[in-house]
Amino acid sequence: LPSPQPSPSHRNPRQAVNVIGGHWTLEDCEIDSTKRTRASSAVIVRNSATLDLRRCGVRDCAHAVVLERNTSTVHAERCSFTNVKEAFQTRGGGTVELE
């Protein structure tokens, strides 16, 4: 499967990674915003998508991870969330698992 793609800034500058469906894994990565183009949400998990974050750092954004639906799932293992207003935001439910 292809990896989730960063959102082109000319289309939606408010998110860095947009996971629309399927089961995705991000490992050993850093997701952050510059002050000029600070993303309001670093990662959006939509629909029935599942995202595994392993050893990732998310910083300098309003919301590190947003779950759009009650069928969205995120599992975060050994991750750090720095300089964020909210590490996780759910809009209509969803499942968040932290280790």
Protein backbone atom coordinates (compact mmCIF):
# COMPACT_ATOMS: atom_id res chain seq x y z
CA LEU A 1 0.00 0.00 0.00
CA PRO A 2 1.22 3.54 -0.64
CA SER A 3 2.03 5.60 2.44
CA PRO A 4 -0.20 8.49 3.57
CA GLN A 5 0.73 11.66 1.77
CA PRO A 6 1.42 15.05 3.29
CA SER A 7 -1.35 17.45 2.40
CA PRO A 8 -0.28 19.93 -0.29
CA SER A 9 -0.12 23.32 1.39
CA HIS A 10 -2.04 24.98 -1.42
CA ARG A 11 -5.01 22.67 -0.83
CA ASN A 12 -5.23 22.48 2.98
CA PRO A 13 -2.51 24.08 5.08
CA ARG A 14 -4.22 23.05 8.32
CA GLN A 15 -2.97 19.44 8.41
CA ALA A 16 0.34 17.74 7.79
CA VAL A 17 -0.86 14.12 7.31
CA ASN A 18 -4.33 13.07 6.13
CA VAL A 19 -5.20 9.36 6.64
CA ILE A 20 -8.46 8.75 4.79
CA GLY A 21 -8.87 4.97 5.06
CA GLY A 22 -7.11 1.67 5.60
CA HIS A 23 -4.53 0.74 8.25
CA TRP A 24 -1.36 2.89 8.27
CA THR A 25 1.82 2.89 10.32
CA LEU A 26 4.17 5.83 10.87
CA GLU A 27 7.44 4.92 12.58
CA ASP A 28 10.41 6.95 13.83
CA CYS A 29 9.19 10.22 12.33
CA GLU A 30 8.93 13.85 13.39
CA ILE A 31 5.89 15.91 12.43
CA ASP A 32 6.05 19.62 13.14
CA SER A 33 5.07 23.02 11.82
CA THR A 34 7.04 26.10 11.11
CA LYS A 35 5.73 29.27 12.69
CA ARG A 36 4.83 30.70 9.30
CA THR A 37 2.65 27.77 8.20
CA ARG A 38 1.75 26.23 11.57
CA ALA A 39 -0.76 23.41 11.05
CA SER A 40 -3.81 23.49 13.26
CA SER A 41 -3.91 19.67 13.19
CA ALA A 42 -0.81 17.60 12.49
CA VAL A 43 -2.56 14.29 11.73
CA ILE A 44 -6.20 13.73 10.70
CA VAL A 45 -7.62 10.19 10.85
CA ARG A 46 -10.85 9.98 8.85
CA ASN A 47 -13.61 7.46 8.14
CA SER A 48 -12.78 3.94 9.35
CA ALA A 49 -9.01 4.48 9.14
CA THR A 50 -6.58 3.08 11.68
CA LEU A 51 -3.22 4.70 12.39
CA ASP A 52 -0.32 3.24 14.40
CA LEU A 53 2.22 5.83 15.55
CA ARG A 54 5.46 4.28 16.80
CA ARG A 55 8.28 6.31 18.30
CA CYS A 56 7.06 9.52 16.64
CA GLY A 57 7.27 13.10 17.79
CA VAL A 58 4.54 15.62 17.04
CA ARG A 59 5.05 19.27 17.94
CA ASP A 60 4.12 22.89 17.33
CA CYS A 61 0.46 22.48 16.39
CA ALA A 62 -2.94 23.00 17.97
CA HIS A 63 -4.01 19.34 17.74
CA ALA A 64 -1.49 16.51 17.34
CA VAL A 65 -4.02 13.87 16.22
CA VAL A 66 -7.68 14.37 15.29
CA LEU A 67 -10.11 11.48 14.91
CA GLU A 68 -12.99 12.50 12.67
CA ARG A 69 -15.44 9.64 13.27
CA ASN A 70 -16.37 7.07 15.87
CA THR A 71 -14.93 4.40 13.55
CA SER A 72 -11.44 6.01 13.49
CA THR A 73 -8.66 4.46 15.59
CA VAL A 74 -5.20 5.59 16.62
CA HIS A 75 -2.61 3.61 18.59
CA ALA A 76 0.38 5.63 19.84
CA GLU A 77 3.41 3.80 21.21
CA ARG A 78 6.40 5.65 22.72
CA CYS A 79 5.42 8.96 21.11
CA SER A 80 5.94 12.51 22.32
CA PHE A 81 3.62 15.48 21.90
CA THR A 82 5.33 18.83 22.51
CA ASN A 83 3.99 22.37 22.33
CA VAL A 84 0.47 21.25 21.37
CA LYS A 85 -2.84 22.53 22.68
CA GLU A 86 -4.34 19.02 22.63
CA ALA A 87 -2.54 15.75 21.93
CA PHE A 88 -5.76 14.03 20.80
CA GLN A 89 -9.08 15.47 19.71
CA THR A 90 -12.09 13.35 18.85
CA ARG A 91 -14.94 14.67 16.76
CA GLY A 92 -17.77 12.21 17.20
CA GLY A 93 -15.89 9.50 19.04
CA GLY A 94 -13.20 7.08 17.96
CA THR A 95 -10.66 4.92 19.75
CA VAL A 96 -7.37 6.19 21.19
CA GLU A 97 -4.86 3.72 22.65
CA LEU A 98 -1.66 4.94 24.34
CA GLU A 99 1.41 3.00 25.46
